[in-house]
């Protein structure tokens, strides 16, 4: 659970990063 949330948070950060933001 802890590792899943850590990975999901990386995706959350990338989702708002200008260079990496995407629906994916």
PDBML (XML) file of the C-alpha atoms, coordinates in Angstrom:
<?xml version="1.0" encoding="UTF-8" ?>
<PDBx:datablock datablockName="MODEL"
   xmlns:PDBx="http://pdbml.pdb.org/schema/pdbx-v50.xsd"
   xmlns:xsi="http://www.w3.org/2001/XMLSchema-instance"
   xsi:schemaLocation="http://pdbml.pdb.org/schema/pdbx-v50.xsd pdbx-v50.xsd">
   <PDBx:atom_siteCategory>
      <PDBx:atom_site id="1">
         <PDBx:B_iso_or_equiv>0.00</PDBx:B_iso_or_equiv>
         <PDBx:Cartn_x>0.000</PDBx:Cartn_x>
         <PDBx:Cartn_y>0.000</PDBx:Cartn_y>
         <PDBx:Cartn_z>0.000</PDBx:Cartn_z>
         <PDBx:auth_asym_id>A</PDBx:auth_asym_id>
         <PDBx:auth_atom_id>CA</PDBx:auth_atom_id>
         <PDBx:auth_comp_id>UNK</PDBx:auth_comp_id>
         <PDBx:auth_seq_id>1</PDBx:auth_seq_id>
         <PDBx:group_PDB>ATOM</PDBx:group_PDB>
         <PDBx:label_alt_id xsi:nil="true" />
         <PDBx:label_asym_id>A</PDBx:label_asym_id>
         <PDBx:label_atom_id>CA</PDBx:label_atom_id>
         <PDBx:label_comp_id>UNK</PDBx:label_comp_id>
         <PDBx:label_entity_id>1</PDBx:label_entity_id>
         <PDBx:label_seq_id>1</PDBx:label_seq_id>
         <PDBx:occupancy>1.00</PDBx:occupancy>
         <PDBx:pdbx_PDB_model_num>1</PDBx:pdbx_PDB_model_num>
         <PDBx:type_symbol>C</PDBx:type_symbol>
      </PDBx:atom_site>
      <PDBx:atom_site id="2">
         <PDBx:B_iso_or_equiv>0.00</PDBx:B_iso_or_equiv>
         <PDBx:Cartn_x>2.787</PDBx:Cartn_x>
         <PDBx:Cartn_y>2.395</PDBx:Cartn_y>
         <PDBx:Cartn_z>0.942</PDBx:Cartn_z>
         <PDBx:auth_asym_id>A</PDBx:auth_asym_id>
         <PDBx:auth_atom_id>CA</PDBx:auth_atom_id>
         <PDBx:auth_comp_id>UNK</PDBx:auth_comp_id>
         <PDBx:auth_seq_id>2</PDBx:auth_seq_id>
         <PDBx:group_PDB>ATOM</PDBx:group_PDB>
         <PDBx:label_alt_id xsi:nil="true" />
         <PDBx:label_asym_id>A</PDBx:label_asym_id>
         <PDBx:label_atom_id>CA</PDBx:label_atom_id>
         <PDBx:label_comp_id>UNK</PDBx:label_comp_id>
         <PDBx:label_entity_id>1</PDBx:label_entity_id>
         <PDBx:label_seq_id>2</PDBx:label_seq_id>
         <PDBx:occupancy>1.00</PDBx:occupancy>
         <PDBx:pdbx_PDB_model_num>1</PDBx:pdbx_PDB_model_num>
         <PDBx:type_symbol>C</PDBx:type_symbol>
      </PDBx:atom_site>
      <PDBx:atom_site id="3">
         <PDBx:B_iso_or_equiv>0.00</PDBx:B_iso_or_equiv>
         <PDBx:Cartn_x>4.704</PDBx:Cartn_x>
         <PDBx:Cartn_y>1.688</PDBx:Cartn_y>
         <PDBx:Cartn_z>-2.275</PDBx:Cartn_z>
         <PDBx:auth_asym_id>A</PDBx:auth_asym_id>
         <PDBx:auth_atom_id>CA</PDBx:auth_atom_id>
         <PDBx:auth_comp_id>UNK</PDBx:auth_comp_id>
         <PDBx:auth_seq_id>3</PDBx:auth_seq_id>
         <PDBx:group_PDB>ATOM</PDBx:group_PDB>
         <PDBx:label_alt_id xsi:nil="true" />
         <PDBx:label_asym_id>A</PDBx:label_asym_id>
         <PDBx:label_atom_id>CA</PDBx:label_atom_id>
         <PDBx:label_comp_id>UNK</PDBx:label_comp_id>
         <PDBx:label_entity_id>1</PDBx:label_entity_id>
         <PDBx:label_seq_id>3</PDBx:label_seq_id>
         <PDBx:occupancy>1.00</PDBx:occupancy>
         <PDBx:pdbx_PDB_model_num>1</PDBx:pdbx_PDB_model_num>
         <PDBx:type_symbol>C</PDBx:type_symbol>
      </PDBx:atom_site>
      <PDBx:atom_site id="4">
         <PDBx:B_iso_or_equiv>0.00</PDBx:B_iso_or_equiv>
         <PDBx:Cartn_x>1.595</PDBx:Cartn_x>
         <PDBx:Cartn_y>2.025</PDBx:Cartn_y>
         <PDBx:Cartn_z>-4.453</PDBx:Cartn_z>
         <PDBx:auth_asym_id>A</PDBx:auth_asym_id>
         <PDBx:auth_atom_id>CA</PDBx:auth_atom_id>
         <PDBx:auth_comp_id>UNK</PDBx:auth_comp_id>
         <PDBx:auth_seq_id>4</PDBx:auth_seq_id>
         <PDBx:group_PDB>ATOM</PDBx:group_PDB>
         <PDBx:label_alt_id xsi:nil="true" />
         <PDBx:label_asym_id>A</PDBx:label_asym_id>
         <PDBx:label_atom_id>CA</PDBx:label_atom_id>
         <PDBx:label_comp_id>UNK</PDBx:label_comp_id>
         <PDBx:label_entity_id>1</PDBx:label_entity_id>
         <PDBx:label_seq_id>4</PDBx:label_seq_id>
         <PDBx:occupancy>1.00</PDBx:occupancy>
         <PDBx:pdbx_PDB_model_num>1</PDBx:pdbx_PDB_model_num>
         <PDBx:type_symbol>C</PDBx:type_symbol>
      </PDBx:atom_site>
      <PDBx:atom_site id="5">
         <PDBx:B_iso_or_equiv>0.00</PDBx:B_iso_or_equiv>
         <PDBx:Cartn_x>0.849</PDBx:Cartn_x>
         <PDBx:Cartn_y>5.428</PDBx:Cartn_y>
         <PDBx:Cartn_z>-2.979</PDBx:Cartn_z>
         <PDBx:auth_asym_id>A</PDBx:auth_asym_id>
         <PDBx:auth_atom_id>CA</PDBx:auth_atom_id>
         <PDBx:auth_comp_id>UNK</PDBx:auth_comp_id>
         <PDBx:auth_seq_id>5</PDBx:auth_seq_id>
         <PDBx:group_PDB>ATOM</PDBx:group_PDB>
         <PDBx:label_alt_id xsi:nil="true" />
         <PDBx:label_asym_id>A</PDBx:label_asym_id>
         <PDBx:label_atom_id>CA</PDBx:label_atom_id>
         <PDBx:label_comp_id>UNK</PDBx:label_comp_id>
         <PDBx:label_entity_id>1</PDBx:label_entity_id>
         <PDBx:label_seq_id>5</PDBx:label_seq_id>
         <PDBx:occupancy>1.00</PDBx:occupancy>
         <PDBx:pdbx_PDB_model_num>1</PDBx:pdbx_PDB_model_num>
         <PDBx:type_symbol>C</PDBx:type_symbol>
      </PDBx:atom_site>
      <PDBx:atom_site id="6">
         <PDBx:B_iso_or_equiv>0.00</PDBx:B_iso_or_equiv>
         <PDBx:Cartn_x>4.459</PDBx:Cartn_x>
         <PDBx:Cartn_y>6.551</PDBx:Cartn_y>
         <PDBx:Cartn_z>-3.437</PDBx:Cartn_z>
         <PDBx:auth_asym_id>A</PDBx:auth_asym_id>
         <PDBx:auth_atom_id>CA</PDBx:auth_atom_id>
         <PDBx:auth_comp_id>UNK</PDBx:auth_comp_id>
         <PDBx:auth_seq_id>6</PDBx:auth_seq_id>
         <PDBx:group_PDB>ATOM</PDBx:group_PDB>
         <PDBx:label_alt_id xsi:nil="true" />
         <PDBx:label_asym_id>A</PDBx:label_asym_id>
         <PDBx:label_atom_id>CA</PDBx:label_atom_id>
         <PDBx:label_comp_id>UNK</PDBx:label_comp_id>
         <PDBx:label_entity_id>1</PDBx:label_entity_id>
         <PDBx:label_seq_id>6</PDBx:label_seq_id>
         <PDBx:occupancy>1.00</PDBx:occupancy>
         <PDBx:pdbx_PDB_model_num>1</PDBx:pdbx_PDB_model_num>
         <PDBx:type_symbol>C</PDBx:type_symbol>
      </PDBx:atom_site>
      <PDBx:atom_site id="7">
         <PDBx:B_iso_or_equiv>0.00</PDBx:B_iso_or_equiv>
         <PDBx:Cartn_x>4.305</PDBx:Cartn_x>
         <PDBx:Cartn_y>5.553</PDBx:Cartn_y>
         <PDBx:Cartn_z>-7.125</PDBx:Cartn_z>
         <PDBx:auth_asym_id>A</PDBx:auth_asym_id>
         <PDBx:auth_atom_id>CA</PDBx:auth_atom_id>
         <PDBx:auth_comp_id>UNK</PDBx:auth_comp_id>
         <PDBx:auth_seq_id>7</PDBx:auth_seq_id>
         <PDBx:group_PDB>ATOM</PDBx:group_PDB>
         <PDBx:label_alt_id xsi:nil="true" />
         <PDBx:label_asym_id>A</PDBx:label_asym_id>
         <PDBx:label_atom_id>CA</PDBx:label_atom_id>
         <PDBx:label_comp_id>UNK</PDBx:label_comp_id>
         <PDBx:label_entity_id>1</PDBx:label_entity_id>
         <PDBx:label_seq_id>7</PDBx:label_seq_id>
         <PDBx:occupancy>1.00</PDBx:occupancy>
         <PDBx:pdbx_PDB_model_num>1</PDBx:pdbx_PDB_model_num>
         <PDBx:type_symbol>C</PDBx:type_symbol>
      </PDBx:atom_site>
      <PDBx:atom_site id="8">
         <PDBx:B_iso_or_equiv>0.00</PDBx:B_iso_or_equiv>
         <PDBx:Cartn_x>0.922</PDBx:Cartn_x>
         <PDBx:Cartn_y>7.234</PDBx:Cartn_y>
         <PDBx:Cartn_z>-7.597</PDBx:Cartn_z>
         <PDBx:auth_asym_id>A</PDBx:auth_asym_id>
         <PDBx:auth_atom_id>CA</PDBx:auth_atom_id>
         <PDBx:auth_comp_id>UNK</PDBx:auth_comp_id>
         <PDBx:auth_seq_id>8</PDBx:auth_seq_id>
         <PDBx:group_PDB>ATOM</PDBx:group_PDB>
         <PDBx:label_alt_id xsi:nil="true" />
         <PDBx:label_asym_id>A</PDBx:label_asym_id>
         <PDBx:label_atom_id>CA</PDBx:label_atom_id>
         <PDBx:label_comp_id>UNK</PDBx:label_comp_id>
         <PDBx:label_entity_id>1</PDBx:label_entity_id>
         <PDBx:label_seq_id>8</PDBx:label_seq_id>
         <PDBx:occupancy>1.00</PDBx:occupancy>
         <PDBx:pdbx_PDB_model_num>1</PDBx:pdbx_PDB_model_num>
         <PDBx:type_symbol>C</PDBx:type_symbol>
      </PDBx:atom_site>
      <PDBx:atom_site id="9">
         <PDBx:B_iso_or_equiv>0.00</PDBx:B_iso_or_equiv>
         <PDBx:Cartn_x>2.303</PDBx:Cartn_x>
         <PDBx:Cartn_y>10.436</PDBx:Cartn_y>
         <PDBx:Cartn_z>-6.088</PDBx:Cartn_z>
         <PDBx:auth_asym_id>A</PDBx:auth_asym_id>
         <PDBx:auth_atom_id>CA</PDBx:auth_atom_id>
         <PDBx:auth_comp_id>UNK</PDBx:auth_comp_id>
         <PDBx:auth_seq_id>9</PDBx:auth_seq_id>
         <PDBx:group_PDB>ATOM</PDBx:group_PDB>
         <PDBx:label_alt_id xsi:nil="true" />
         <PDBx:label_asym_id>A</PDBx:label_asym_id>
         <PDBx:label_atom_id>CA</PDBx:label_atom_id>
         <PDBx:label_comp_id>UNK</PDBx:label_comp_id>
         <PDBx:label_entity_id>1</PDBx:label_entity_id>
         <PDBx:label_seq_id>9</PDBx:label_seq_id>
         <PDBx:occupancy>1.00</PDBx:occupancy>
         <PDBx:pdbx_PDB_model_num>1</PDBx:pdbx_PDB_model_num>
         <PDBx:type_symbol>C</PDBx:type_symbol>
      </PDBx:atom_site>
      <PDBx:atom_site id="10">
         <PDBx:B_iso_or_equiv>0.00</PDBx:B_iso_or_equiv>
         <PDBx:Cartn_x>5.113</PDBx:Cartn_x>
         <PDBx:Cartn_y>10.445</PDBx:Cartn_y>
         <PDBx:Cartn_z>-8.663</PDBx:Cartn_z>
         <PDBx:auth_asym_id>A</PDBx:auth_asym_id>
         <PDBx:auth_atom_id>CA</PDBx:auth_atom_id>
         <PDBx:auth_comp_id>UNK</PDBx:auth_comp_id>
         <PDBx:auth_seq_id>10</PDBx:auth_seq_id>
         <PDBx:group_PDB>ATOM</PDBx:group_PDB>
         <PDBx:label_alt_id xsi:nil="true" />
         <PDBx:label_asym_id>A</PDBx:label_asym_id>
         <PDBx:label_atom_id>CA</PDBx:label_atom_id>
         <PDBx:label_comp_id>UNK</PDBx:label_comp_id>
         <PDBx:label_entity_id>1</PDBx:label_entity_id>
         <PDBx:label_seq_id>10</PDBx:label_seq_id>
         <PDBx:occupancy>1.00</PDBx:occupancy>
         <PDBx:pdbx_PDB_model_num>1</PDBx:pdbx_PDB_model_num>
         <PDBx:type_symbol>C</PDBx:type_symbol>
      </PDBx:atom_site>
      <PDBx:atom_site id="11">
         <PDBx:B_iso_or_equiv>0.00</PDBx:B_iso_or_equiv>
         <PDBx:Cartn_x>2.451</PDBx:Cartn_x>
         <PDBx:Cartn_y>10.239</PDBx:Cartn_y>
         <PDBx:Cartn_z>-11.371</PDBx:Cartn_z>
         <PDBx:auth_asym_id>A</PDBx:auth_asym_id>
         <PDBx:auth_atom_id>CA</PDBx:auth_atom_id>
         <PDBx:auth_comp_id>UNK</PDBx:auth_comp_id>
         <PDBx:auth_seq_id>11</PDBx:auth_seq_id>
         <PDBx:group_PDB>ATOM</PDBx:group_PDB>
         <PDBx:label_alt_id xsi:nil="true" />
         <PDBx:label_asym_id>A</PDBx:label_asym_id>
         <PDBx:label_atom_id>CA</PDBx:label_atom_id>
         <PDBx:label_comp_id>UNK</PDBx:label_comp_id>
         <PDBx:label_entity_id>1</PDBx:label_entity_id>
         <PDBx:label_seq_id>11</PDBx:label_seq_id>
         <PDBx:occupancy>1.00</PDBx:occupancy>
         <PDBx:pdbx_PDB_model_num>1</PDBx:pdbx_PDB_model_num>
         <PDBx:type_symbol>C</PDBx:type_symbol>
      </PDBx:atom_site>
      <PDBx:atom_site id="12">
         <PDBx:B_iso_or_equiv>0.00</PDBx:B_iso_or_equiv>
         <PDBx:Cartn_x>0.518</PDBx:Cartn_x>
         <PDBx:Cartn_y>13.080</PDBx:Cartn_y>
         <PDBx:Cartn_z>-9.689</PDBx:Cartn_z>
         <PDBx:auth_asym_id>A</PDBx:auth_asym_id>
         <PDBx:auth_atom_id>CA</PDBx:auth_atom_id>
         <PDBx:auth_comp_id>UNK</PDBx:auth_comp_id>
         <PDBx:auth_seq_id>12</PDBx:auth_seq_id>
         <PDBx:group_PDB>ATOM</PDBx:group_PDB>
         <PDBx:label_alt_id xsi:nil="true" />
         <PDBx:label_asym_id>A</PDBx:label_asym_id>
         <PDBx:label_atom_id>CA</PDBx:label_atom_id>
         <PDBx:label_comp_id>UNK</PDBx:label_comp_id>
         <PDBx:label_entity_id>1</PDBx:label_entity_id>
         <PDBx:label_seq_id>12</PDBx:label_seq_id>
         <PDBx:occupancy>1.00</PDBx:occupancy>
         <PDBx:pdbx_PDB_model_num>1</PDBx:pdbx_PDB_model_num>
         <PDBx:type_symbol>C</PDBx:type_symbol>
      </PDBx:atom_site>
      <PDBx:atom_site id="13">
         <PDBx:B_iso_or_equiv>0.00</PDBx:B_iso_or_equiv>
         <PDBx:Cartn_x>3.618</PDBx:Cartn_x>
         <PDBx:Cartn_y>15.269</PDBx:Cartn_y>
         <PDBx:Cartn_z>-9.822</PDBx:Cartn_z>
         <PDBx:auth_asym_id>A</PDBx:auth_asym_id>
         <PDBx:auth_atom_id>CA</PDBx:auth_atom_id>
         <PDBx:auth_comp_id>UNK</PDBx:auth_comp_id>
         <PDBx:auth_seq_id>13</PDBx:auth_seq_id>
         <PDBx:group_PDB>ATOM</PDBx:group_PDB>
         <PDBx:label_alt_id xsi:nil="true" />
         <PDBx:label_asym_id>A</PDBx:label_asym_id>
         <PDBx:label_atom_id>CA</PDBx:label_atom_id>
         <PDBx:label_comp_id>UNK</PDBx:label_comp_id>
         <PDBx:label_entity_id>1</PDBx:label_entity_id>
         <PDBx:label_seq_id>13</PDBx:label_seq_id>
         <PDBx:occupancy>1.00</PDBx:occupancy>
         <PDBx:pdbx_PDB_model_num>1</PDBx:pdbx_PDB_model_num>
         <PDBx:type_symbol>C</PDBx:type_symbol>
      </PDBx:atom_site>
      <PDBx:atom_site id="14">
         <PDBx:B_iso_or_equiv>0.00</PDBx:B_iso_or_equiv>
         <PDBx:Cartn_x>4.250</PDBx:Cartn_x>
         <PDBx:Cartn_y>14.384</PDBx:Cartn_y>
         <PDBx:Cartn_z>-13.456</PDBx:Cartn_z>
         <PDBx:auth_asym_id>A</PDBx:auth_asym_id>
         <PDBx:auth_atom_id>CA</PDBx:auth_atom_id>
         <PDBx:auth_comp_id>UNK</PDBx:auth_comp_id>
         <PDBx:auth_seq_id>14</PDBx:auth_seq_id>
         <PDBx:group_PDB>ATOM</PDBx:group_PDB>
         <PDBx:label_alt_id xsi:nil="true" />
         <PDBx:label_asym_id>A</PDBx:label_asym_id>
         <PDBx:label_atom_id>CA</PDBx:label_atom_id>
         <PDBx:label_comp_id>UNK</PDBx:label_comp_id>
         <PDBx:label_entity_id>1</PDBx:label_entity_id>
         <PDBx:label_seq_id>14</PDBx:label_seq_id>
         <PDBx:occupancy>1.00</PDBx:occupancy>
         <PDBx:pdbx_PDB_model_num>1</PDBx:pdbx_PDB_model_num>
         <PDBx:type_symbol>C</PDBx:type_symbol>
      </PDBx:atom_site>
      <PDBx:atom_site id="15">
         <PDBx:B_iso_or_equiv>0.00</PDBx:B_iso_or_equiv>
         <PDBx:Cartn_x>0.609</PDBx:Cartn_x>
         <PDBx:Cartn_y>15.106</PDBx:Cartn_y>
         <PDBx:Cartn_z>-14.311</PDBx:Cartn_z>
         <PDBx:auth_asym_id>A</PDBx:auth_asym_id>
         <PDBx:auth_atom_id>CA</PDBx:auth_atom_id>
         <PDBx:auth_comp_id>UNK</PDBx:auth_comp_id>
         <PDBx:auth_seq_id>15</PDBx:auth_seq_id>
         <PDBx:group_PDB>ATOM</PDBx:group_PDB>
         <PDBx:label_alt_id xsi:nil="true" />
         <PDBx:label_asym_id>A</PDBx:label_asym_id>
         <PDBx:label_atom_id>CA</PDBx:label_atom_id>
         <PDBx:label_comp_id>UNK</PDBx:label_comp_id>
         <PDBx:label_entity_id>1</PDBx:label_entity_id>
         <PDBx:label_seq_id>15</PDBx:label_seq_id>
         <PDBx:occupancy>1.00</PDBx:occupancy>
         <PDBx:pdbx_PDB_model_num>1</PDBx:pdbx_PDB_model_num>
         <PDBx:type_symbol>C</PDBx:type_symbol>
      </PDBx:atom_site>
      <PDBx:atom_site id="16">
         <PDBx:B_iso_or_equiv>0.00</PDBx:B_iso_or_equiv>
         <PDBx:Cartn_x>1.113</PDBx:Cartn_x>
         <PDBx:Cartn_y>18.802</PDBx:Cartn_y>
         <PDBx:Cartn_z>-13.502</PDBx:Cartn_z>
         <PDBx:auth_asym_id>A</PDBx:auth_asym_id>
         <PDBx:auth_atom_id>CA</PDBx:auth_atom_id>
         <PDBx:auth_comp_id>UNK</PDBx:auth_comp_id>
         <PDBx:auth_seq_id>16</PDBx:auth_seq_id>
         <PDBx:group_PDB>ATOM</PDBx:group_PDB>
         <PDBx:label_alt_id xsi:nil="true" />
         <PDBx:label_asym_id>A</PDBx:label_asym_id>
         <PDBx:label_atom_id>CA</PDBx:label_atom_id>
         <PDBx:label_comp_id>UNK</PDBx:label_comp_id>
         <PDBx:label_entity_id>1</PDBx:label_entity_id>
         <PDBx:label_seq_id>16</PDBx:label_seq_id>
         <PDBx:occupancy>1.00</PDBx:occupancy>
         <PDBx:pdbx_PDB_model_num>1</PDBx:pdbx_PDB_model_num>
         <PDBx:type_symbol>C</PDBx:type_symbol>
      </PDBx:atom_site>
      <PDBx:atom_site id="17">
         <PDBx:B_iso_or_equiv>0.00</PDBx:B_iso_or_equiv>
         <PDBx:Cartn_x>4.705</PDBx:Cartn_x>
         <PDBx:Cartn_y>19.120</PDBx:Cartn_y>
         <PDBx:Cartn_z>-14.697</PDBx:Cartn_z>
         <PDBx:auth_asym_id>A</PDBx:auth_asym_id>
         <PDBx:auth_atom_id>CA</PDBx:auth_atom_id>
         <PDBx:auth_comp_id>UNK</PDBx:auth_comp_id>
         <PDBx:auth_seq_id>17</PDBx:auth_seq_id>
         <PDBx:group_PDB>ATOM</PDBx:group_PDB>
         <PDBx:label_alt_id xsi:nil="true" />
         <PDBx:label_asym_id>A</PDBx:label_asym_id>
         <PDBx:label_atom_id>CA</PDBx:label_atom_id>
         <PDBx:label_comp_id>UNK</PDBx:label_comp_id>
         <PDBx:label_entity_id>1</PDBx:label_entity_id>
         <PDBx:label_seq_id>17</PDBx:label_seq_id>
         <PDBx:occupancy>1.00</PDBx:occupancy>
         <PDBx:pdbx_PDB_model_num>1</PDBx:pdbx_PDB_model_num>
         <PDBx:type_symbol>C</PDBx:type_symbol>
      </PDBx:atom_site>
      <PDBx:atom_site id="18">
         <PDBx:B_iso_or_equiv>0.00</PDBx:B_iso_or_equiv>
         <PDBx:Cartn_x>4.851</PDBx:Cartn_x>
         <PDBx:Cartn_y>21.262</PDBx:Cartn_y>
         <PDBx:Cartn_z>-17.860</PDBx:Cartn_z>
         <PDBx:auth_asym_id>A</PDBx:auth_asym_id>
         <PDBx:auth_atom_id>CA</PDBx:auth_atom_id>
         <PDBx:auth_comp_id>UNK</PDBx:auth_comp_id>
         <PDBx:auth_seq_id>18</PDBx:auth_seq_id>
         <PDBx:group_PDB>ATOM</PDBx:group_PDB>
         <PDBx:label_alt_id xsi:nil="true" />
         <PDBx:label_asym_id>A</PDBx:label_asym_id>
         <PDBx:label_atom_id>CA</PDBx:label_atom_id>
         <PDBx:label_comp_id>UNK</PDBx:label_comp_id>
         <PDBx:label_entity_id>1</PDBx:label_entity_id>
         <PDBx:label_seq_id>18</PDBx:label_seq_id>
         <PDBx:occupancy>1.00</PDBx:occupancy>
         <PDBx:pdbx_PDB_model_num>1</PDBx:pdbx_PDB_model_num>
         <PDBx:type_symbol>C</PDBx:type_symbol>
      </PDBx:atom_site>
      <PDBx:atom_site id="19">
         <PDBx:B_iso_or_equiv>0.00</PDBx:B_iso_or_equiv>
         <PDBx:Cartn_x>7.134</PDBx:Cartn_x>
         <PDBx:Cartn_y>18.834</PDBx:Cartn_y>
         <PDBx:Cartn_z>-19.695</PDBx:Cartn_z>
         <PDBx:auth_asym_id>A</PDBx:auth_asym_id>
         <PDBx:auth_atom_id>CA</PDBx:auth_atom_id>
         <PDBx:auth_comp_id>UNK</PDBx:auth_comp_id>
         <PDBx:auth_seq_id>19</PDBx:auth_seq_id>
         <PDBx:group_PDB>ATOM</PDBx:group_PDB>
         <PDBx:label_alt_id xsi:nil="true" />
         <PDBx:label_asym_id>A</PDBx:label_asym_id>
         <PDBx:label_atom_id>CA</PDBx:label_atom_id>
         <PDBx:label_comp_id>UNK</PDBx:label_comp_id>
         <PDBx:label_entity_id>1</PDBx:label_entity_id>
         <PDBx:label_seq_id>19</PDBx:label_seq_id>
         <PDBx:occupancy>1.00</PDBx:occupancy>
         <PDBx:pdbx_PDB_model_num>1</PDBx:pdbx_PDB_model_num>
         <PDBx:type_symbol>C</PDBx:type_symbol>
      </PDBx:atom_site>
      <PDBx:atom_site id="20">
         <PDBx:B_iso_or_equiv>0.00</PDBx:B_iso_or_equiv>
         <PDBx:Cartn_x>5.352</PDBx:Cartn_x>
         <PDBx:Cartn_y>15.588</PDBx:Cartn_y>
         <PDBx:Cartn_z>-18.755</PDBx:Cartn_z>
         <PDBx:auth_asym_id>A</PDBx:auth_asym_id>
         <PDBx:auth_atom_id>CA</PDBx:auth_atom_id>
         <PDBx:auth_comp_id>UNK</PDBx:auth_comp_id>
         <PDBx:auth_seq_id>20</PDBx:auth_seq_id>
         <PDBx:group_PDB>ATOM</PDBx:group_PDB>
         <PDBx:label_alt_id xsi:nil="true" />
         <PDBx:label_asym_id>A</PDBx:label_asym_id>
         <PDBx:label_atom_id>CA</PDBx:label_atom_id>
         <PDBx:label_comp_id>UNK</PDBx:label_comp_id>
         <PDBx:label_entity_id>1</PDBx:label_entity_id>
         <PDBx:label_seq_id>20</PDBx:label_seq_id>
         <PDBx:occupancy>1.00</PDBx:occupancy>
         <PDBx:pdbx_PDB_model_num>1</PDBx:pdbx_PDB_model_num>
         <PDBx:type_symbol>C</PDBx:type_symbol>
      </PDBx:atom_site>
      <PDBx:atom_site id="21">
         <PDBx:B_iso_or_equiv>0.00</PDBx:B_iso_or_equiv>
         <PDBx:Cartn_x>1.727</PDBx:Cartn_x>
         <PDBx:Cartn_y>16.576</PDBx:Cartn_y>
         <PDBx:Cartn_z>-18.139</PDBx:Cartn_z>
         <PDBx:auth_asym_id>A</PDBx:auth_asym_id>
         <PDBx:auth_atom_id>CA</PDBx:auth_atom_id>
         <PDBx:auth_comp_id>UNK</PDBx:auth_comp_id>
         <PDBx:auth_seq_id>21</PDBx:auth_seq_id>
         <PDBx:group_PDB>ATOM</PDBx:group_PDB>
         <PDBx:label_alt_id xsi:nil="true" />
         <PDBx:label_asym_id>A</PDBx:label_asym_id>
         <PDBx:label_atom_id>CA</PDBx:label_atom_id>
         <PDBx:label_comp_id>UNK</PDBx:label_comp_id>
         <PDBx:label_entity_id>1</PDBx:label_entity_id>
         <PDBx:label_seq_id>21</PDBx:label_seq_id>
         <PDBx:occupancy>1.00</PDBx:occupancy>
         <PDBx:pdbx_PDB_model_num>1</PDBx:pdbx_PDB_model_num>
         <PDBx:type_symbol>C</PDBx:type_symbol>
      </PDBx:atom_site>
      <PDBx:atom_site id="22">
         <PDBx:B_iso_or_equiv>0.00</PDBx:B_iso_or_equiv>
         <PDBx:Cartn_x>-0.763</PDBx:Cartn_x>
         <PDBx:Cartn_y>14.364</PDBx:Cartn_y>
         <PDBx:Cartn_z>-19.942</PDBx:Cartn_z>
         <PDBx:auth_asym_id>A</PDBx:auth_asym_id>
         <PDBx:auth_atom_id>CA</PDBx:auth_atom_id>
         <PDBx:auth_comp_id>UNK</PDBx:auth_comp_id>
         <PDBx:auth_seq_id>22</PDBx:auth_seq_id>
         <PDBx:group_PDB>ATOM</PDBx:group_PDB>
         <PDBx:label_alt_id xsi:nil="true" />
         <PDBx:label_asym_id>A</PDBx:label_asym_id>
         <PDBx:label_atom_id>CA</PDBx:label_atom_id>
         <PDBx:label_comp_id>UNK</PDBx:label_comp_id>
         <PDBx:label_entity_id>1</PDBx:label_entity_id>
         <PDBx:label_seq_id>22</PDBx:label_seq_id>
         <PDBx:occupancy>1.00</PDBx:occupancy>
         <PDBx:pdbx_PDB_model_num>1</PDBx:pdbx_PDB_model_num>
         <PDBx:type_symbol>C</PDBx:type_symbol>
      </PDBx:atom_site>
      <PDBx:atom_site id="23">
         <PDBx:B_iso_or_equiv>0.00</PDBx:B_iso_or_equiv>
         <PDBx:Cartn_x>-3.916</PDBx:Cartn_x>
         <PDBx:Cartn_y>12.406</PDBx:Cartn_y>
         <PDBx:Cartn_z>-19.340</PDBx:Cartn_z>
         <PDBx:auth_asym_id>A</PDBx:auth_asym_id>
         <PDBx:auth_atom_id>CA</PDBx:auth_atom_id>
         <PDBx:auth_comp_id>UNK</PDBx:auth_comp_id>
         <PDBx:auth_seq_id>23</PDBx:auth_seq_id>
         <PDBx:group_PDB>ATOM</PDBx:group_PDB>
         <PDBx:label_alt_id xsi:nil="true" />
         <PDBx:label_asym_id>A</PDBx:label_asym_id>
         <PDBx:label_atom_id>CA</PDBx:label_atom_id>
         <PDBx:label_comp_id>UNK</PDBx:label_comp_id>
         <PDBx:label_entity_id>1</PDBx:label_entity_id>
         <PDBx:label_seq_id>23</PDBx:label_seq_id>
         <PDBx:occupancy>1.00</PDBx:occupancy>
         <PDBx:pdbx_PDB_model_num>1</PDBx:pdbx_PDB_model_num>
         <PDBx:type_symbol>C</PDBx:type_symbol>
      </PDBx:atom_site>
      <PDBx:atom_site id="24">
         <PDBx:B_iso_or_equiv>0.00</PDBx:B_iso_or_equiv>
         <PDBx:Cartn_x>-1.778</PDBx:Cartn_x>
         <PDBx:Cartn_y>9.261</PDBx:Cartn_y>
         <PDBx:Cartn_z>-19.266</PDBx:Cartn_z>
         <PDBx:auth_asym_id>A</PDBx:auth_asym_id>
         <PDBx:auth_atom_id>CA</PDBx:auth_atom_id>
         <PDBx:auth_comp_id>UNK</PDBx:auth_comp_id>
         <PDBx:auth_seq_id>24</PDBx:auth_seq_id>
         <PDBx:group_PDB>ATOM</PDBx:group_PDB>
         <PDBx:label_alt_id xsi:nil="true" />
         <PDBx:label_asym_id>A</PDBx:label_asym_id>
         <PDBx:label_atom_id>CA</PDBx:label_atom_id>
         <PDBx:label_comp_id>UNK</PDBx:label_comp_id>
         <PDBx:label_entity_id>1</PDBx:label_entity_id>
         <PDBx:label_seq_id>24</PDBx:label_seq_id>
         <PDBx:occupancy>1.00</PDBx:occupancy>
         <PDBx:pdbx_PDB_model_num>1</PDBx:pdbx_PDB_model_num>
         <PDBx:type_symbol>C</PDBx:type_symbol>
      </PDBx:atom_site>
   </PDBx:atom_siteCategory>
</PDBx:datablock>
